[in-house]
């Protein structure tokens, strides 16, 4: 019986480390811009007199507009230098976030979130495409681990600082903070990031519409799209009302919220690199399955909490995030390996669009399920979300399993075509 040898991951070059840092910082602003809505939810709902249904619409408006722009951009995603495409959409994101900061009514905020989503929703897809273009297959798990750490970093740094500024100068100042940081990142990208245009040499579709059609009609790609959609919808259901739930149901004060997010983020940021490394060394679907089990249990536990001490809230949050990230990193790494290089931009754009729209649908559904009698009353039916999320996680596992099988077969076929190839243990993903 043949011995399996461990996979050896290539070290990062100095330029690759710079790219990782830039993508992580860029993603930090995108994630913070979206995630800050949940902690600011109680402020916004009371300041602008927004009902739970209306706030669900604020959250979902970003997702739906991001989904629409991703579909529209997909046909052009492989026809331009990825650096230029990144800067175009990031500039629009900065403008949209500035509009959020200047909003003085529910209608203005809703419009600003739509503008932000139109540009910001495509950036994640471009970042993943750049990651796939610039990094070898057995480096991507670690890269995704670092980039996904932005969720934790936004909790450790962004959300506590944002909430502190909101307590000090109002919630508008939080969005101004994001704008200032994003401008600095954009300038660094302009002067430090090299052009990313190798895909242009192998692009064959002259029509943007034809290129989009080739991406969405590919049956293998469709399974990846479904996996991503179900991966996203659960998180969007729990996230929008998390701060209102903690304040009105668990009796956490607004002054305690920054501390909760900070310590939860500290715990999560320790877990992220470990999951990224594991994703490059073990079977990705097995890691995803383990994270799914943990996420199912903790989603039900979290949504059925009674008033408990702050440290217990932090512990439950940390374990819940560990389960969510243990699903996201391996599932995303697998999905990134499905498309050919000539289709990557289109695939990632459509994939991101479906992710955003599925999340928007989740936020709308959450707003319809959850209710609140007065501004200070406990949220009702929040525990129902936990059971709905658990079912969605199980359905998602079916599609991710299909993705895993496709990727392994794809790699095995490529190895078999190599001259002088011999049967060896195949890794989890394939660079095409």
Protein backbone atom coordinates (compact mmCIF):
# COMPACT_ATOMS: atom_id res chain seq x y z
CA UNK A 1 0.00 0.00 0.00
CA UNK A 2 1.44 3.31 -1.10
CA UNK A 3 2.38 5.89 1.55
CA UNK A 4 0.80 9.34 1.25
CA UNK A 5 3.22 12.19 1.36
CA UNK A 6 2.21 15.49 2.85
CA UNK A 7 1.64 18.38 0.46
CA UNK A 8 4.46 20.94 0.45
CA UNK A 9 3.21 24.49 0.04
CA UNK A 10 5.51 26.94 -1.75
CA UNK A 11 6.63 29.96 0.30
CA UNK A 12 5.40 33.42 -0.64
CA UNK A 13 7.66 35.87 -2.48
CA UNK A 14 8.07 39.44 -1.25
CA UNK A 15 5.72 40.76 -3.94
CA UNK A 16 3.13 38.09 -3.14
CA UNK A 17 3.20 39.17 0.50
CA UNK A 18 2.54 42.75 -0.62
CA UNK A 19 -0.39 41.59 -2.76
CA UNK A 20 -1.83 39.60 0.16
CA UNK A 21 -1.53 42.64 2.44
CA UNK A 22 -3.22 44.92 -0.12
CA UNK A 23 -6.05 42.46 -0.82
CA UNK A 24 -6.55 41.89 2.90
CA UNK A 25 -6.67 45.62 3.69
CA UNK A 26 -8.97 46.26 0.74
CA UNK A 27 -11.25 43.45 1.82
CA UNK A 28 -11.11 44.82 5.38
CA UNK A 29 -12.79 48.05 4.23
CA UNK A 30 -15.40 46.18 2.18
CA UNK A 31 -16.22 43.80 5.03
CA UNK A 32 -16.25 46.59 7.61
CA UNK A 33 -18.55 48.72 5.47
CA UNK A 34 -21.04 45.85 5.36
CA UNK A 35 -20.57 44.41 8.85
CA UNK A 36 -20.74 47.77 10.61
CA UNK A 37 -24.42 47.99 9.69
CA UNK A 38 -25.28 45.24 12.18
CA UNK A 39 -23.55 46.87 15.20
CA UNK A 40 -24.94 50.26 14.13
CA UNK A 41 -28.37 48.69 13.59
CA UNK A 42 -29.75 49.75 16.94
CA UNK A 43 -28.39 53.31 16.45
CA UNK A 44 -29.84 53.56 12.93
CA UNK A 45 -33.22 52.02 13.75
CA UNK A 46 -33.71 54.49 16.61
CA UNK A 47 -32.08 57.54 14.97
CA UNK A 48 -33.88 57.26 11.62
CA UNK A 49 -37.04 55.54 12.94
CA UNK A 50 -36.46 52.36 10.91
CA UNK A 51 -38.58 49.27 11.60
CA UNK A 52 -37.02 45.76 11.40
CA UNK A 53 -38.54 45.26 7.94
CA UNK A 54 -37.07 48.57 6.74
CA UNK A 55 -33.65 47.80 8.20
CA UNK A 56 -33.69 44.40 6.49
CA UNK A 57 -34.29 46.31 3.26
CA UNK A 58 -31.31 48.60 3.95
CA UNK A 59 -29.08 45.55 4.33
CA UNK A 60 -30.54 43.69 1.37
CA UNK A 61 -30.43 46.75 -0.93
CA UNK A 62 -26.63 46.56 -0.85
CA UNK A 63 -26.76 42.85 -1.61
CA UNK A 64 -29.24 43.09 -4.48
CA UNK A 65 -27.47 46.02 -6.15
CA UNK A 66 -24.14 44.21 -5.73
CA UNK A 67 -25.66 41.13 -7.32
CA UNK A 68 -27.01 43.10 -10.27
CA UNK A 69 -23.70 44.88 -10.92
CA UNK A 70 -21.81 41.59 -10.74
CA UNK A 71 -23.98 40.07 -13.45
CA UNK A 72 -23.58 43.18 -15.62
CA UNK A 73 -19.81 43.25 -15.08
CA UNK A 74 -19.28 39.52 -15.65
CA UNK A 75 -19.11 39.75 -19.44
CA UNK A 76 -16.36 42.39 -19.21
CA UNK A 77 -14.48 40.96 -16.23
CA UNK A 78 -11.90 39.10 -18.36
CA UNK A 79 -11.46 41.85 -20.96
CA UNK A 80 -9.48 44.37 -18.86
CA UNK A 81 -6.38 44.51 -16.72
CA UNK A 82 -7.60 43.32 -13.33
CA UNK A 83 -5.75 46.15 -11.57
CA UNK A 84 -7.64 48.80 -13.56
CA UNK A 85 -10.94 46.99 -12.98
CA UNK A 86 -10.22 46.83 -9.25
CA UNK A 87 -9.46 50.56 -9.02
CA UNK A 88 -12.59 51.52 -10.99
CA UNK A 89 -14.96 49.64 -8.70
CA UNK A 90 -13.06 50.58 -5.52
CA UNK A 91 -13.37 54.27 -6.42
CA UNK A 92 -17.14 53.84 -6.78
CA UNK A 93 -17.25 52.03 -3.44
CA UNK A 94 -15.48 54.96 -1.76
CA UNK A 95 -17.99 57.38 -3.27
CA UNK A 96 -20.95 55.26 -2.09
CA UNK A 97 -19.57 55.02 1.45
CA UNK A 98 -19.12 58.80 1.51
CA UNK A 99 -22.80 59.13 0.56
CA UNK A 100 -23.68 56.86 3.53
CA UNK A 101 -21.76 59.20 5.83
CA UNK A 102 -23.69 62.20 4.49
CA UNK A 103 -27.14 60.57 4.77
CA UNK A 104 -29.70 62.32 6.98
CA UNK A 105 -32.78 60.18 6.34
CA UNK A 106 -33.81 56.57 5.79
CA UNK A 107 -34.35 57.22 2.07
CA UNK A 108 -30.90 58.78 1.64
CA UNK A 109 -29.24 55.91 3.48
CA UNK A 110 -31.11 53.37 1.36
CA UNK A 111 -29.98 55.09 -1.84
CA UNK A 112 -26.40 55.32 -0.60
CA UNK A 113 -26.33 51.61 0.21
CA UNK A 114 -27.52 50.84 -3.31
CA UNK A 115 -24.66 52.91 -4.79
CA UNK A 116 -22.14 51.28 -2.46
CA UNK A 117 -23.39 47.83 -3.41
CA UNK A 118 -23.21 48.55 -7.15
CA UNK A 119 -19.45 49.03 -6.84
CA UNK A 120 -18.43 47.21 -3.67
CA UNK A 121 -20.15 43.94 -4.53
CA UNK A 122 -17.83 43.24 -7.46
CA UNK A 123 -14.59 43.87 -5.56
CA UNK A 124 -14.62 40.54 -3.71
CA UNK A 125 -14.91 38.70 -7.04
CA UNK A 126 -12.00 40.67 -8.51
CA UNK A 127 -9.89 39.95 -5.42
CA UNK A 128 -10.53 36.21 -5.66
CA UNK A 129 -9.72 36.27 -9.37
CA UNK A 130 -6.41 38.03 -8.64
CA UNK A 131 -5.68 35.45 -5.93
CA UNK A 132 -6.27 32.60 -8.37
CA UNK A 133 -4.13 34.28 -11.05
CA UNK A 134 -1.14 35.11 -8.85
CA UNK A 135 -0.95 32.18 -6.41
CA UNK A 136 -0.33 28.47 -6.91
CA UNK A 137 -2.99 25.99 -5.94
CA UNK A 138 -1.37 24.93 -2.65
CA UNK A 139 -0.88 28.53 -1.57
CA UNK A 140 -4.50 29.59 -1.92
CA UNK A 141 -5.79 28.14 1.33
CA UNK A 142 -3.29 30.25 3.27
CA UNK A 143 -4.07 33.30 1.14
CA UNK A 144 -7.79 32.89 1.73
CA UNK A 145 -7.10 32.36 5.43
CA UNK A 146 -5.32 35.73 5.60
CA UNK A 147 -7.97 37.50 3.52
CA UNK A 148 -10.83 35.97 5.53
CA UNK A 149 -9.08 37.24 8.66
CA UNK A 150 -10.51 40.60 7.66
CA UNK A 151 -13.79 39.46 9.23
CA UNK A 152 -12.00 39.09 12.54
CA UNK A 153 -9.89 42.22 12.03
CA UNK A 154 -13.03 44.26 11.42
CA UNK A 155 -14.31 43.03 14.77
CA UNK A 156 -11.06 43.68 16.64
CA UNK A 157 -10.25 47.07 15.15
CA UNK A 158 -12.92 48.38 12.80
CA UNK A 159 -16.17 47.73 14.64
CA UNK A 160 -14.97 48.76 18.14
CA UNK A 161 -13.37 51.93 16.75
CA UNK A 162 -16.44 52.57 14.59
CA UNK A 163 -18.77 52.15 17.56
CA UNK A 164 -16.52 54.37 19.70
CA UNK A 165 -16.69 57.09 17.04
CA UNK A 166 -20.46 56.58 16.77
CA UNK A 167 -20.82 57.05 20.53
CA UNK A 168 -18.56 60.12 20.38
CA UNK A 169 -19.60 61.95 17.18
CA UNK A 170 -22.57 60.00 15.78
CA UNK A 171 -22.87 57.08 13.39
CA UNK A 172 -21.94 59.25 10.37
CA UNK A 173 -18.34 59.42 11.58
CA UNK A 174 -17.98 55.64 11.30
CA UNK A 175 -18.48 55.74 7.53
CA UNK A 176 -16.08 58.71 7.24
CA UNK A 177 -13.43 56.58 8.94
CA UNK A 178 -13.89 53.87 6.29
CA UNK A 179 -13.63 56.45 3.48
CA UNK A 180 -10.32 57.80 4.83
CA UNK A 181 -8.77 54.34 5.12
CA UNK A 182 -10.03 53.29 1.67
CA UNK A 183 -8.46 56.34 0.00
CA UNK A 184 -5.04 55.41 1.43
CA UNK A 185 -5.41 51.80 0.21
CA UNK A 186 -6.45 52.95 -3.28
CA UNK A 187 -3.34 55.14 -3.55
CA UNK A 188 -1.12 52.21 -2.54
CA UNK A 189 -2.73 49.98 -5.18
CA UNK A 190 -2.11 52.64 -7.84
CA UNK A 191 1.61 52.89 -7.11
CA UNK A 192 2.53 49.39 -5.90
CA UNK A 193 0.36 46.78 -7.65
CA UNK A 194 1.64 45.57 -11.04
CA UNK A 195 -0.71 45.09 -14.02
CA UNK A 196 -2.54 41.73 -14.00
CA UNK A 197 -3.32 41.01 -17.64
CA UNK A 198 -2.02 37.56 -18.65
CA UNK A 199 -5.59 36.36 -19.15
CA UNK A 200 -6.03 38.85 -22.01
CA UNK A 201 -3.72 36.78 -24.22
CA UNK A 202 -6.02 33.74 -24.09
CA UNK A 203 -9.40 35.48 -24.16
CA UNK A 204 -11.40 34.22 -27.16
CA UNK A 205 -14.96 35.56 -26.69
CA UNK A 206 -15.31 38.85 -28.56
CA UNK A 207 -18.82 39.52 -27.29
CA UNK A 208 -19.28 40.35 -23.59
CA UNK A 209 -22.74 38.79 -23.67
CA UNK A 210 -21.38 35.58 -25.24
CA UNK A 211 -18.66 35.39 -22.60
CA UNK A 212 -21.26 35.78 -19.85
CA UNK A 213 -23.46 33.12 -21.46
CA UNK A 214 -20.56 30.64 -21.63
CA UNK A 215 -20.00 31.13 -17.89
CA UNK A 216 -23.61 30.80 -16.72
CA UNK A 217 -24.49 27.89 -19.04
CA UNK A 218 -21.57 25.70 -17.92
CA UNK A 219 -23.10 22.92 -15.78
CA UNK A 220 -19.97 22.54 -13.63
CA UNK A 221 -20.00 26.25 -12.93
CA UNK A 222 -23.70 26.12 -12.03
CA UNK A 223 -23.04 23.68 -9.18
CA UNK A 224 -20.39 26.07 -7.85
CA UNK A 225 -22.87 28.96 -8.05
CA UNK A 226 -25.45 27.02 -6.03
CA UNK A 227 -22.88 26.06 -3.40
CA UNK A 228 -21.86 29.69 -2.94
CA UNK A 229 -25.46 30.93 -2.78
CA UNK A 230 -26.39 28.54 0.03
CA UNK A 231 -23.08 29.24 1.76
CA UNK A 232 -24.00 32.93 2.02
CA UNK A 233 -27.68 33.04 2.81
CA UNK A 234 -27.42 31.79 6.41
CA UNK A 235 -24.90 34.40 7.52
CA UNK A 236 -27.01 37.20 6.06
CA UNK A 237 -30.00 35.99 8.05
CA UNK A 238 -28.28 36.18 11.44
CA UNK A 239 -26.05 39.21 10.94
CA UNK A 240 -28.37 42.22 10.39
CA UNK A 241 -30.14 41.98 13.76
CA UNK A 242 -27.23 40.78 15.91
CA UNK A 243 -26.67 44.05 17.79
CA UNK A 244 -30.41 44.65 18.31
CA UNK A 245 -30.70 41.04 19.56
CA UNK A 246 -27.81 41.42 22.02
CA UNK A 247 -29.09 44.77 23.34
CA UNK A 248 -32.81 44.06 23.55
CA UNK A 249 -32.83 40.32 24.29
CA UNK A 250 -29.53 39.59 26.10
CA UNK A 251 -29.46 42.95 27.95
CA UNK A 252 -26.04 43.97 26.60
CA UNK A 253 -25.52 47.75 26.72
CA UNK A 254 -24.37 49.85 23.76
CA UNK A 255 -21.18 50.63 25.72
CA UNK A 256 -20.42 46.88 25.98
CA UNK A 257 -20.89 46.17 22.25
CA UNK A 258 -17.36 47.31 21.18
CA UNK A 259 -15.79 45.02 23.79
CA UNK A 260 -17.87 42.05 22.65
CA UNK A 261 -16.89 42.51 19.01
CA UNK A 262 -13.24 43.13 19.91
CA UNK A 263 -12.77 39.99 22.01
CA UNK A 264 -14.80 37.87 19.61
CA UNK A 265 -12.54 39.10 16.81
CA UNK A 266 -9.40 38.34 18.82
CA UNK A 267 -10.54 34.76 19.25
CA UNK A 268 -11.49 34.46 15.59
CA UNK A 269 -8.23 35.93 14.27
CA UNK A 270 -6.31 33.15 16.03
CA UNK A 271 -8.48 30.52 14.36
CA UNK A 272 -8.34 31.90 10.79
CA UNK A 273 -4.68 31.17 9.90
CA UNK A 274 -5.01 27.68 11.40
CA UNK A 275 -8.01 26.94 9.20
CA UNK A 276 -6.18 28.34 6.17
CA UNK A 277 -3.19 26.07 6.78
CA UNK A 278 -5.44 23.07 7.40
CA UNK A 279 -7.25 23.82 4.15
CA UNK A 280 -3.95 23.41 2.25
CA UNK A 281 -3.08 20.15 4.02
CA UNK A 282 -6.25 18.11 4.58
CA UNK A 283 -9.30 17.19 2.54
CA UNK A 284 -11.21 20.44 2.11
CA UNK A 285 -14.66 18.88 2.16
CA UNK A 286 -13.96 17.08 5.45
CA UNK A 287 -12.87 20.39 6.98
CA UNK A 288 -16.00 22.04 5.57
CA UNK A 289 -18.21 19.25 6.99
CA UNK A 290 -16.69 19.63 10.46
CA UNK A 291 -17.24 23.40 10.35
CA UNK A 292 -20.83 22.87 9.20
CA UNK A 293 -21.64 20.64 12.17
CA UNK A 294 -20.20 23.23 14.54
CA UNK A 295 -22.07 26.06 12.78
CA UNK A 296 -25.41 24.20 12.97
CA UNK A 297 -25.06 23.62 16.71
CA UNK A 298 -23.87 27.14 17.52
CA UNK A 299 -26.51 28.86 15.33
CA UNK A 300 -29.25 27.17 17.33
CA UNK A 301 -27.49 27.91 20.63
CA UNK A 302 -26.86 31.58 19.77
CA UNK A 303 -30.41 32.34 18.66
CA UNK A 304 -31.88 30.77 21.81
CA UNK A 305 -29.73 32.59 24.38
CA UNK A 306 -31.16 34.08 27.54
CA UNK A 307 -29.47 37.00 29.36
CA UNK A 308 -25.93 35.80 30.24
CA UNK A 309 -22.65 37.46 31.30
CA UNK A 310 -20.62 39.30 28.67
CA UNK A 311 -17.78 36.76 28.70
CA UNK A 312 -20.20 33.98 27.83
CA UNK A 313 -21.58 36.02 24.92
CA UNK A 314 -18.00 36.45 23.65
CA UNK A 315 -17.35 32.70 23.97
CA UNK A 316 -20.51 31.72 22.08
CA UNK A 317 -19.79 34.30 19.36
CA UNK A 318 -16.21 33.10 18.93
CA UNK A 319 -17.17 29.44 18.55
CA UNK A 320 -19.96 30.38 16.15
CA UNK A 321 -17.54 32.36 13.97
CA UNK A 322 -15.03 29.52 14.06
CA UNK A 323 -17.69 27.22 12.63
CA UNK A 324 -18.69 29.74 9.95
CA UNK A 325 -15.09 30.37 8.86
CA UNK A 326 -14.31 26.63 8.86
CA UNK A 327 -17.00 26.38 6.19
CA UNK A 328 -16.17 29.50 4.20
CA UNK A 329 -12.44 29.03 3.67
CA UNK A 330 -12.41 25.45 2.30
CA UNK A 331 -15.65 25.93 0.35
CA UNK A 332 -14.41 29.16 -1.25
CA UNK A 333 -11.02 27.62 -2.07
CA UNK A 334 -12.74 24.68 -3.76
CA UNK A 335 -15.10 26.90 -5.74
CA UNK A 336 -12.21 29.11 -6.93
CA UNK A 337 -10.64 26.04 -8.54
CA UNK A 338 -13.60 25.24 -10.82
CA UNK A 339 -13.22 27.79 -13.68
CA UNK A 340 -10.55 27.88 -16.40
CA UNK A 341 -8.28 30.93 -16.45
CA UNK A 342 -10.07 32.45 -19.46
CA UNK A 343 -13.39 32.32 -17.56
CA UNK A 344 -12.23 33.24 -14.06
CA UNK A 345 -13.30 36.86 -14.06
CA UNK A 346 -16.77 36.05 -15.40
CA UNK A 347 -17.18 33.08 -13.07
CA UNK A 348 -16.11 35.04 -10.00
CA UNK A 349 -18.39 37.96 -10.91
CA UNK A 350 -21.45 35.76 -11.39
CA UNK A 351 -20.52 33.78 -8.29
CA UNK A 352 -20.22 36.98 -6.25
CA UNK A 353 -23.53 38.25 -7.64
CA UNK A 354 -25.40 35.12 -6.65
CA UNK A 355 -23.70 35.27 -3.26
CA UNK A 356 -24.88 38.84 -2.74
CA UNK A 357 -28.40 38.25 -4.02
CA UNK A 358 -28.81 35.10 -1.94
CA UNK A 359 -27.61 37.04 1.07
CA UNK A 360 -30.00 39.88 0.25
CA UNK A 361 -32.86 37.39 0.07
CA UNK A 362 -31.75 36.03 3.44
CA UNK A 363 -31.77 39.53 4.97
CA UNK A 364 -35.25 40.22 3.59
CA UNK A 365 -36.54 36.90 4.94
CA UNK A 366 -34.96 37.62 8.31
CA UNK A 367 -36.72 41.00 8.39
CA UNK A 368 -40.02 39.28 7.69
CA UNK A 369 -39.47 36.62 10.36
CA UNK A 370 -38.19 38.90 13.15
CA UNK A 371 -40.50 41.47 14.70
CA UNK A 372 -40.27 44.09 17.45
CA UNK A 373 -43.25 45.71 19.16
CA UNK A 374 -41.44 48.88 20.22
CA UNK A 375 -37.95 50.34 19.78
CA UNK A 376 -36.82 48.84 23.10
CA UNK A 377 -38.82 45.59 23.09
CA UNK A 378 -37.06 42.22 22.72
CA UNK A 379 -36.87 40.86 19.18
CA UNK A 380 -39.45 38.17 18.59
CA UNK A 381 -38.97 34.95 16.56
CA UNK A 382 -35.16 35.43 16.37
CA UNK A 383 -34.76 31.80 17.49
CA UNK A 384 -36.64 30.72 14.35
CA UNK A 385 -33.71 32.04 12.31
CA UNK A 386 -31.37 29.58 14.02
CA UNK A 387 -33.36 26.56 12.85
CA UNK A 388 -33.75 27.98 9.32
CA UNK A 389 -29.98 28.57 9.10
CA UNK A 390 -29.30 25.01 10.30
CA UNK A 391 -31.39 23.57 7.45
CA UNK A 392 -29.69 25.82 4.87
CA UNK A 393 -26.25 24.71 6.09
CA UNK A 394 -27.17 21.06 5.53
CA UNK A 395 -28.46 21.79 2.01
CA UNK A 396 -25.27 23.71 1.23
CA UNK A 397 -23.23 20.63 2.17
CA UNK A 398 -24.79 18.66 -0.71
CA UNK A 399 -23.59 21.16 -3.31
CA UNK A 400 -20.13 21.62 -1.78
CA UNK A 401 -19.68 17.84 -1.86
CA UNK A 402 -20.44 17.88 -5.61
CA UNK A 403 -17.90 20.69 -6.09
CA UNK A 404 -15.28 18.70 -4.19
CA UNK A 405 -15.85 15.65 -6.40
CA UNK A 406 -15.56 17.73 -9.58
CA UNK A 407 -12.33 19.41 -8.50
CA UNK A 408 -10.68 16.13 -7.50
CA UNK A 409 -11.66 14.53 -10.81
CA UNK A 410 -10.38 17.54 -12.71
CA UNK A 411 -7.00 17.27 -11.05
CA UNK A 412 -6.78 13.52 -11.51
CA UNK A 413 -7.49 13.95 -15.25
CA UNK A 414 -4.77 16.60 -15.58
CA UNK A 415 -2.22 14.39 -13.80
CA UNK A 416 -3.10 11.47 -16.05
CA UNK A 417 -2.44 13.59 -19.15
CA UNK A 418 1.08 14.53 -18.04
CA UNK A 419 3.87 12.54 -19.75
CA UNK A 420 5.37 9.89 -17.48
CA UNK A 421 2.72 10.41 -14.83
CA UNK A 422 2.25 7.72 -12.21
CA UNK A 423 -0.57 7.12 -9.78
CA UNK A 424 0.07 9.34 -6.79
CA UNK A 425 -2.18 10.71 -4.09
CA UNK A 426 -3.98 13.70 -5.60
CA UNK A 427 -4.43 16.95 -3.71
CA UNK A 428 -7.75 18.66 -3.29
CA UNK A 429 -7.71 21.34 -5.93
CA UNK A 430 -6.30 21.97 -9.37
CA UNK A 431 -4.69 24.94 -11.05
CA UNK A 432 -5.77 25.18 -14.66
